[in-house]
Amino acid sequence: MITTGPRLIEYSNIRWNSDWCKRCLICVEACPRQALTLRDDAIVEIDGRCDQAGLCQRLCPDLAIEVIESGEGRR
C-alpha cells in the first residue's frame, strides 16, 4: 500500500493543505486584508495583500492553512 502525505500548496505567505480543507471559506472571510480567495476549488493567496496577521490559521477548523513565518522560506 502506497501512502502519500497531504497535498500542500505554498504561496509566498501561506501553506494550504488542499486535502484537509473543506472549503468553508472561514479563512477568506476572516482575513482583514482580503488576501485570500476561492478560485477553481482552491484557496489562493492574492499577491501583495497578506500581512501575516494569522487569523486564517487561527480560525481554520480543519488546520488546513498555515502562515509561513518570515525568514522560514520555502521547503
PDB file of N, CA and C in Angstrom:
ATOM      1  N   MET A   1       0.836  -1.173   0.000  1.00  0.00           N
ATOM      2  CA  MET A   1       0.000   0.000   0.000  1.00  0.00           C
ATOM      3  C   MET A   1       0.887   1.244   0.000  1.00  0.00           C
ATOM      4  N   ILE A   2       0.617   2.123  -0.927  1.00  0.00           N
ATOM      5  CA  ILE A   2       1.382   3.353  -1.026  1.00  0.00           C
ATOM      6  C   ILE A   2       0.598   4.466  -0.344  1.00  0.00           C
ATOM      7  N   THR A   3       1.258   5.169   0.553  1.00  0.00           N
ATOM      8  CA  THR A   3       0.615   6.303   1.204  1.00  0.00           C
ATOM      9  C   THR A   3       1.384   7.567   0.846  1.00  0.00           C
ATOM     10  N   THR A   4       0.657   8.637   0.729  1.00  0.00           N
ATOM     11  CA  THR A   4       1.290   9.919   0.445  1.00  0.00           C
ATOM     12  C   THR A   4       0.871  10.907   1.514  1.00  0.00           C
ATOM     13  N   GLY A   5       1.709  11.906   1.711  1.00  0.00           N
ATOM     14  CA  GLY A   5       1.389  12.950   2.675  1.00  0.00           C
ATOM     15  C   GLY A   5       0.333  13.881   2.117  1.00  0.00           C
ATOM     16  N   PRO A   6      -0.086  14.804   2.934  1.00  0.00           N
ATOM     17  CA  PRO A   6      -1.093  15.770   2.472  1.00  0.00           C
ATOM     18  C   PRO A   6      -0.536  16.640   1.349  1.00  0.00           C
ATOM     19  N   ARG A   7      -1.416  17.064   0.476  1.00  0.00           N
ATOM     20  CA  ARG A   7      -1.001  17.900  -0.647  1.00  0.00           C
ATOM     21  C   ARG A   7      -0.965  19.358  -0.195  1.00  0.00           C
ATOM     22  N   LEU A   8       0.245  19.884  -0.014  1.00  0.00           N
ATOM     23  CA  LEU A   8       0.438  21.258   0.416  1.00  0.00           C
ATOM     24  C   LEU A   8       0.722  22.135  -0.782  1.00  0.00           C
ATOM     25  N   ILE A   9       0.080  23.293  -0.809  1.00  0.00           N
ATOM     26  CA  ILE A   9       0.350  24.281  -1.839  1.00  0.00           C
ATOM     27  C   ILE A   9       0.939  25.488  -1.139  1.00  0.00           C
ATOM     28  N   GLU A  10       2.150  25.886  -1.556  1.00  0.00           N
ATOM     29  CA  GLU A  10       2.829  27.007  -0.926  1.00  0.00           C
ATOM     30  C   GLU A  10       2.696  28.259  -1.768  1.00  0.00           C
ATOM     31  N   TYR A  11       2.330  29.325  -1.080  1.00  0.00           N
ATOM     32  CA  TYR A  11       2.331  30.657  -1.673  1.00  0.00           C
ATOM     33  C   TYR A  11       3.427  31.439  -0.963  1.00  0.00           C
ATOM     34  N   SER A  12       3.534  32.714  -1.178  1.00  0.00           N
ATOM     35  CA  SER A  12       4.617  33.472  -0.554  1.00  0.00           C
ATOM     36  C   SER A  12       4.438  33.620   0.956  1.00  0.00           C
ATOM     37  N   ASN A  13       3.214  33.631   1.469  1.00  0.00           N
ATOM     38  CA  ASN A  13       2.978  33.844   2.893  1.00  0.00           C
ATOM     39  C   ASN A  13       2.207  32.739   3.602  1.00  0.00           C
ATOM     40  N   ILE A  14       1.622  31.815   2.857  1.00  0.00           N
ATOM     41  CA  ILE A  14       0.843  30.736   3.480  1.00  0.00           C
ATOM     42  C   ILE A  14       1.126  29.396   2.812  1.00  0.00           C
ATOM     43  N   ARG A  15       0.817  28.332   3.569  1.00  0.00           N
ATOM     44  CA  ARG A  15       0.760  26.972   3.028  1.00  0.00           C
ATOM     45  C   ARG A  15      -0.684  26.527   3.191  1.00  0.00           C
ATOM     46  N   TRP A  16      -1.212  25.953   2.147  1.00  0.00           N
ATOM     47  CA  TRP A  16      -2.600  25.495   2.176  1.00  0.00           C
ATOM     48  C   TRP A  16      -2.625  24.005   1.900  1.00  0.00           C
ATOM     49  N   ASN A  17      -3.321  23.261   2.750  1.00  0.00           N
ATOM     50  CA  ASN A  17      -3.449  21.816   2.606  1.00  0.00           C
ATOM     51  C   ASN A  17      -4.779  21.524   1.915  1.00  0.00           C
ATOM     52  N   SER A  18      -4.708  21.213   0.650  1.00  0.00           N
ATOM     53  CA  SER A  18      -5.926  21.009  -0.137  1.00  0.00           C
ATOM     54  C   SER A  18      -6.691  19.755   0.268  1.00  0.00           C
ATOM     55  N   ASP A  19      -5.990  18.788   0.869  1.00  0.00           N
ATOM     56  CA  ASP A  19      -6.658  17.551   1.290  1.00  0.00           C
ATOM     57  C   ASP A  19      -7.476  17.749   2.561  1.00  0.00           C
ATOM     58  N   TRP A  20      -7.029  18.592   3.457  1.00  0.00           N
ATOM     59  CA  TRP A  20      -7.716  18.802   4.727  1.00  0.00           C
ATOM     60  C   TRP A  20      -8.806  19.860   4.626  1.00  0.00           C
ATOM     61  N   CYS A  21      -8.692  20.764   3.683  1.00  0.00           N
ATOM     62  CA  CYS A  21      -9.614  21.896   3.565  1.00  0.00           C
ATOM     63  C   CYS A  21     -10.985  21.436   3.060  1.00  0.00           C
ATOM     64  N   LYS A  22     -12.051  21.910   3.742  1.00  0.00           N
ATOM     65  CA  LYS A  22     -13.398  21.574   3.281  1.00  0.00           C
ATOM     66  C   LYS A  22     -14.059  22.756   2.567  1.00  0.00           C
ATOM     67  N   ARG A  23     -13.271  23.801   2.302  1.00  0.00           N
ATOM     68  CA  ARG A  23     -13.736  24.998   1.556  1.00  0.00           C
ATOM     69  C   ARG A  23     -14.888  25.701   2.272  1.00  0.00           C
ATOM     70  N   CYS A  24     -14.771  25.850   3.581  1.00  0.00           N
ATOM     71  CA  CYS A  24     -15.804  26.541   4.359  1.00  0.00           C
ATOM     72  C   CYS A  24     -15.697  28.058   4.222  1.00  0.00           C
ATOM     73  N   LEU A  25     -14.571  28.544   3.748  1.00  0.00           N
ATOM     74  CA  LEU A  25     -14.293  29.962   3.492  1.00  0.00           C
ATOM     75  C   LEU A  25     -14.143  30.811   4.753  1.00  0.00           C
ATOM     76  N   ILE A  26     -13.997  30.181   5.912  1.00  0.00           N
ATOM     77  CA  ILE A  26     -13.755  30.952   7.132  1.00  0.00           C
ATOM     78  C   ILE A  26     -12.473  31.762   6.989  1.00  0.00           C
ATOM     79  N   CYS A  27     -11.430  31.178   6.432  1.00  0.00           N
ATOM     80  CA  CYS A  27     -10.161  31.892   6.261  1.00  0.00           C
ATOM     81  C   CYS A  27     -10.317  33.101   5.341  1.00  0.00           C
ATOM     82  N   VAL A  28     -11.065  32.927   4.261  1.00  0.00           N
ATOM     83  CA  VAL A  28     -11.283  34.013   3.298  1.00  0.00           C
ATOM     84  C   VAL A  28     -12.038  35.157   3.962  1.00  0.00           C
ATOM     85  N   GLU A  29     -13.075  34.827   4.705  1.00  0.00           N
ATOM     86  CA  GLU A  29     -13.896  35.848   5.352  1.00  0.00           C
ATOM     87  C   GLU A  29     -13.184  36.518   6.530  1.00  0.00           C
ATOM     88  N   ALA A  30     -12.279  35.803   7.201  1.00  0.00           N
ATOM     89  CA  ALA A  30     -11.598  36.340   8.377  1.00  0.00           C
ATOM     90  C   ALA A  30     -10.454  37.285   8.042  1.00  0.00           C
ATOM     91  N   CYS A  31      -9.897  37.172   6.875  1.00  0.00           N
ATOM     92  CA  CYS A  31      -8.702  37.949   6.533  1.00  0.00           C
ATOM     93  C   CYS A  31      -9.011  39.450   6.471  1.00  0.00           C
ATOM     94  N   PRO A  32      -8.350  40.245   7.327  1.00  0.00           N
ATOM     95  CA  PRO A  32      -8.613  41.684   7.330  1.00  0.00           C
ATOM     96  C   PRO A  32      -8.117  42.399   6.071  1.00  0.00           C
ATOM     97  N   ARG A  33      -7.181  41.797   5.352  1.00  0.00           N
ATOM     98  CA  ARG A  33      -6.616  42.404   4.145  1.00  0.00           C
ATOM     99  C   ARG A  33      -7.227  41.832   2.869  1.00  0.00           C
ATOM    100  N   GLN A  34      -8.186  40.927   3.006  1.00  0.00           N
ATOM    101  CA  GLN A  34      -8.801  40.249   1.863  1.00  0.00           C
ATOM    102  C   GLN A  34      -7.728  39.653   0.938  1.00  0.00           C
ATOM    103  N   ALA A  35      -6.799  38.934   1.574  1.00  0.00           N
ATOM    104  CA  ALA A  35      -5.665  38.367   0.857  1.00  0.00           C
ATOM    105  C   ALA A  35      -5.923  36.959   0.324  1.00  0.00           C
ATOM    106  N   LEU A  36      -7.075  36.388   0.650  1.00  0.00           N
ATOM    107  CA  LEU A  36      -7.395  35.028   0.205  1.00  0.00           C
ATOM    108  C   LEU A  36      -8.685  35.025  -0.594  1.00  0.00           C
ATOM    109  N   THR A  37      -8.748  34.099  -1.541  1.00  0.00           N
ATOM    110  CA  THR A  37      -9.965  33.930  -2.326  1.00  0.00           C
ATOM    111  C   THR A  37     -10.086  32.459  -2.710  1.00  0.00           C
ATOM    112  N   LEU A  38     -11.280  32.038  -3.046  1.00  0.00           N
ATOM    113  CA  LEU A  38     -11.502  30.692  -3.566  1.00  0.00           C
ATOM    114  C   LEU A  38     -11.564  30.799  -5.078  1.00  0.00           C
ATOM    115  N   ARG A  39     -10.665  30.076  -5.743  1.00  0.00           N
ATOM    116  CA  ARG A  39     -10.621  30.101  -7.203  1.00  0.00           C
ATOM    117  C   ARG A  39     -10.360  28.681  -7.702  1.00  0.00           C
ATOM    118  N   ASP A  40     -11.206  28.202  -8.568  1.00  0.00           N
ATOM    119  CA  ASP A  40     -11.065  26.851  -9.137  1.00  0.00           C
ATOM    120  C   ASP A  40     -10.900  25.793  -8.050  1.00  0.00           C
ATOM    121  N   ASP A  41     -11.756  25.879  -7.012  1.00  0.00           N
ATOM    122  CA  ASP A  41     -11.782  24.931  -5.897  1.00  0.00           C
ATOM    123  C   ASP A  41     -10.494  24.943  -5.074  1.00  0.00           C
ATOM    124  N   ALA A  42      -9.765  26.060  -5.086  1.00  0.00           N
ATOM    125  CA  ALA A  42      -8.537  26.189  -4.306  1.00  0.00           C
ATOM    126  C   ALA A  42      -8.540  27.524  -3.567  1.00  0.00           C
ATOM    127  N   ILE A  43      -7.987  27.522  -2.355  1.00  0.00           N
ATOM    128  CA  ILE A  43      -7.762  28.767  -1.640  1.00  0.00           C
ATOM    129  C   ILE A  43      -6.483  29.362  -2.208  1.00  0.00           C
ATOM    130  N   VAL A  44      -6.569  30.601  -2.663  1.00  0.00           N
ATOM    131  CA  VAL A  44      -5.454  31.249  -3.342  1.00  0.00           C
ATOM    132  C   VAL A  44      -5.096  32.527  -2.603  1.00  0.00           C
ATOM    133  N   GLU A  45      -3.790  32.744  -2.402  1.00  0.00           N
ATOM    134  CA  GLU A  45      -3.304  33.986  -1.809  1.00  0.00           C
ATOM    135  C   GLU A  45      -3.180  35.033  -2.905  1.00  0.00           C
ATOM    136  N   ILE A  46      -3.722  36.210  -2.645  1.00  0.00           N
ATOM    137  CA  ILE A  46      -3.611  37.316  -3.597  1.00  0.00           C
ATOM    138  C   ILE A  46      -2.312  38.054  -3.292  1.00  0.00           C
ATOM    139  N   ASP A  47      -1.403  38.067  -4.242  1.00  0.00           N
ATOM    140  CA  ASP A  47      -0.076  38.655  -4.049  1.00  0.00           C
ATOM    141  C   ASP A  47      -0.145  40.091  -3.539  1.00  0.00           C
ATOM    142  N   GLY A  48       0.694  40.369  -2.562  1.00  0.00           N
ATOM    143  CA  GLY A  48       0.842  41.715  -2.054  1.00  0.00           C
ATOM    144  C   GLY A  48      -0.135  42.130  -0.974  1.00  0.00           C
ATOM    145  N   ARG A  49      -1.111  41.291  -0.658  1.00  0.00           N
ATOM    146  CA  ARG A  49      -2.116  41.692   0.341  1.00  0.00           C
ATOM    147  C   ARG A  49      -1.875  41.104   1.727  1.00  0.00           C
ATOM    148  N   CYS A  50      -1.266  39.937   1.828  1.00  0.00           N
ATOM    149  CA  CYS A  50      -1.111  39.251   3.110  1.00  0.00           C
ATOM    150  C   CYS A  50      -0.128  39.994   4.010  1.00  0.00           C
ATOM    151  N   ASP A  51      -0.563  40.268   5.253  1.00  0.00           N
ATOM    152  CA  ASP A  51       0.331  40.890   6.227  1.00  0.00           C
ATOM    153  C   ASP A  51       0.687  39.916   7.353  1.00  0.00           C
ATOM    154  N   GLN A  52       0.392  38.658   7.158  1.00  0.00           N
ATOM    155  CA  GLN A  52       0.691  37.571   8.084  1.00  0.00           C
ATOM    156  C   GLN A  52       0.055  37.776   9.463  1.00  0.00           C
ATOM    157  N   ALA A  53      -1.144  38.322   9.487  1.00  0.00           N
ATOM    158  CA  ALA A  53      -1.865  38.513  10.753  1.00  0.00           C
ATOM    159  C   ALA A  53      -2.172  37.173  11.413  1.00  0.00           C
ATOM    160  N   GLY A  54      -2.393  36.139  10.624  1.00  0.00           N
ATOM    161  CA  GLY A  54      -2.595  34.795  11.147  1.00  0.00           C
ATOM    162  C   GLY A  54      -4.016  34.424  11.504  1.00  0.00           C
ATOM    163  N   LEU A  55      -4.980  35.305  11.220  1.00  0.00           N
ATOM    164  CA  LEU A  55      -6.372  34.961  11.530  1.00  0.00           C
ATOM    165  C   LEU A  55      -6.835  33.741  10.751  1.00  0.00           C
ATOM    166  N   CYS A  56      -6.407  33.612   9.527  1.00  0.00           N
ATOM    167  CA  CYS A  56      -6.798  32.448   8.718  1.00  0.00           C
ATOM    168  C   CYS A  56      -6.365  31.160   9.395  1.00  0.00           C
ATOM    169  N   GLN A  57      -5.139  31.141   9.870  1.00  0.00           N
ATOM    170  CA  GLN A  57      -4.609  29.949  10.537  1.00  0.00           C
ATOM    171  C   GLN A  57      -5.315  29.684  11.855  1.00  0.00           C
ATOM    172  N   ARG A  58      -5.517  30.698  12.644  1.00  0.00           N
ATOM    173  CA  ARG A  58      -6.136  30.518  13.960  1.00  0.00           C
ATOM    174  C   ARG A  58      -7.593  30.079  13.876  1.00  0.00           C
ATOM    175  N   LEU A  59      -8.307  30.521  12.856  1.00  0.00           N
ATOM    176  CA  LEU A  59      -9.740  30.237  12.769  1.00  0.00           C
ATOM    177  C   LEU A  59     -10.092  29.007  11.931  1.00  0.00           C
ATOM    178  N   CYS A  60      -9.145  28.459  11.212  1.00  0.00           N
ATOM    179  CA  CYS A  60      -9.436  27.305  10.355  1.00  0.00           C
ATOM    180  C   CYS A  60      -9.765  26.079  11.209  1.00  0.00           C
ATOM    181  N   PRO A  61     -10.990  25.553  11.104  1.00  0.00           N
ATOM    182  CA  PRO A  61     -11.373  24.398  11.913  1.00  0.00           C
ATOM    183  C   PRO A  61     -10.702  23.097  11.462  1.00  0.00           C
ATOM    184  N   ASP A  62     -10.121  23.107  10.264  1.00  0.00           N
ATOM    185  CA  ASP A  62      -9.508  21.898   9.716  1.00  0.00           C
ATOM    186  C   ASP A  62      -7.989  21.913   9.766  1.00  0.00           C
ATOM    187  N   LEU A  63      -7.393  22.981  10.312  1.00  0.00           N
ATOM    188  CA  LEU A  63      -5.936  23.134  10.362  1.00  0.00           C
ATOM    189  C   LEU A  63      -5.325  23.032   8.963  1.00  0.00           C
ATOM    190  N   ALA A  64      -6.042  23.552   7.986  1.00  0.00           N
ATOM    191  CA  ALA A  64      -5.646  23.392   6.589  1.00  0.00           C
ATOM    192  C   ALA A  64      -4.821  24.548   6.038  1.00  0.00           C
ATOM    193  N   ILE A  65      -4.608  25.583   6.856  1.00  0.00           N
ATOM    194  CA  ILE A  65      -3.851  26.730   6.370  1.00  0.00           C
ATOM    195  C   ILE A  65      -2.849  27.140   7.442  1.00  0.00           C
ATOM    196  N   GLU A  66      -1.643  27.476   6.989  1.00  0.00           N
ATOM    197  CA  GLU A  66      -0.575  27.824   7.913  1.00  0.00           C
ATOM    198  C   GLU A  66       0.126  29.073   7.375  1.00  0.00           C
ATOM    199  N   VAL A  67       0.343  30.043   8.251  1.00  0.00           N
ATOM    200  CA  VAL A  67       1.090  31.234   7.877  1.00  0.00           C
ATOM    201  C   VAL A  67       2.570  30.885   7.926  1.00  0.00           C
ATOM    202  N   ILE A  68       3.299  31.188   6.879  1.00  0.00           N
ATOM    203  CA  ILE A  68       4.731  30.947   6.824  1.00  0.00           C
ATOM    204  C   ILE A  68       5.429  32.095   7.531  1.00  0.00           C
ATOM    205  N   GLU A  69       6.193  31.773   8.558  1.00  0.00           N
ATOM    206  CA  GLU A  69       6.910  32.804   9.306  1.00  0.00           C
ATOM    207  C   GLU A  69       7.951  33.474   8.401  1.00  0.00           C
ATOM    208  N   SER A  70       8.138  34.761   8.585  1.00  0.00           N
ATOM    209  CA  SER A  70       9.155  35.496   7.823  1.00  0.00           C
ATOM    210  C   SER A  70      10.508  34.848   8.055  1.00  0.00           C
ATOM    211  N   GLY A  71      11.244  34.648   6.987  1.00  0.00           N
ATOM    212  CA  GLY A  71      12.566  34.033   7.088  1.00  0.00           C
ATOM    213  C   GLY A  71      12.554  32.523   7.052  1.00  0.00           C
ATOM    214  N   GLU A  72      11.387  31.900   7.194  1.00  0.00           N
ATOM    215  CA  GLU A  72      11.315  30.435   7.180  1.00  0.00           C
ATOM    216  C   GLU A  72      11.618  29.898   5.792  1.00  0.00           C
ATOM    217  N   GLY A  73      11.174  30.629   4.787  1.00  0.00           N
ATOM    218  CA  GLY A  73      11.443  30.223   3.414  1.00  0.00           C
ATOM    219  C   GLY A  73      10.645  29.023   2.983  1.00  0.00           C
ATOM    220  N   ARG A  74      10.831  28.672   1.750  1.00  0.00           N
ATOM    221  CA  ARG A  74      10.114  27.546   1.163  1.00  0.00           C
ATOM    222  C   ARG A  74      10.847  26.261   1.461  1.00  0.00           C
ATOM    223  N   ARG A  75      10.077  25.192   1.597  1.00  0.00           N
ATOM    224  CA  ARG A  75      10.669  23.865   1.860  1.00  0.00           C
ATOM    225  C   ARG A  75      10.933  23.152   0.568  1.00  0.00           C
TER     226      ARG A  75
END
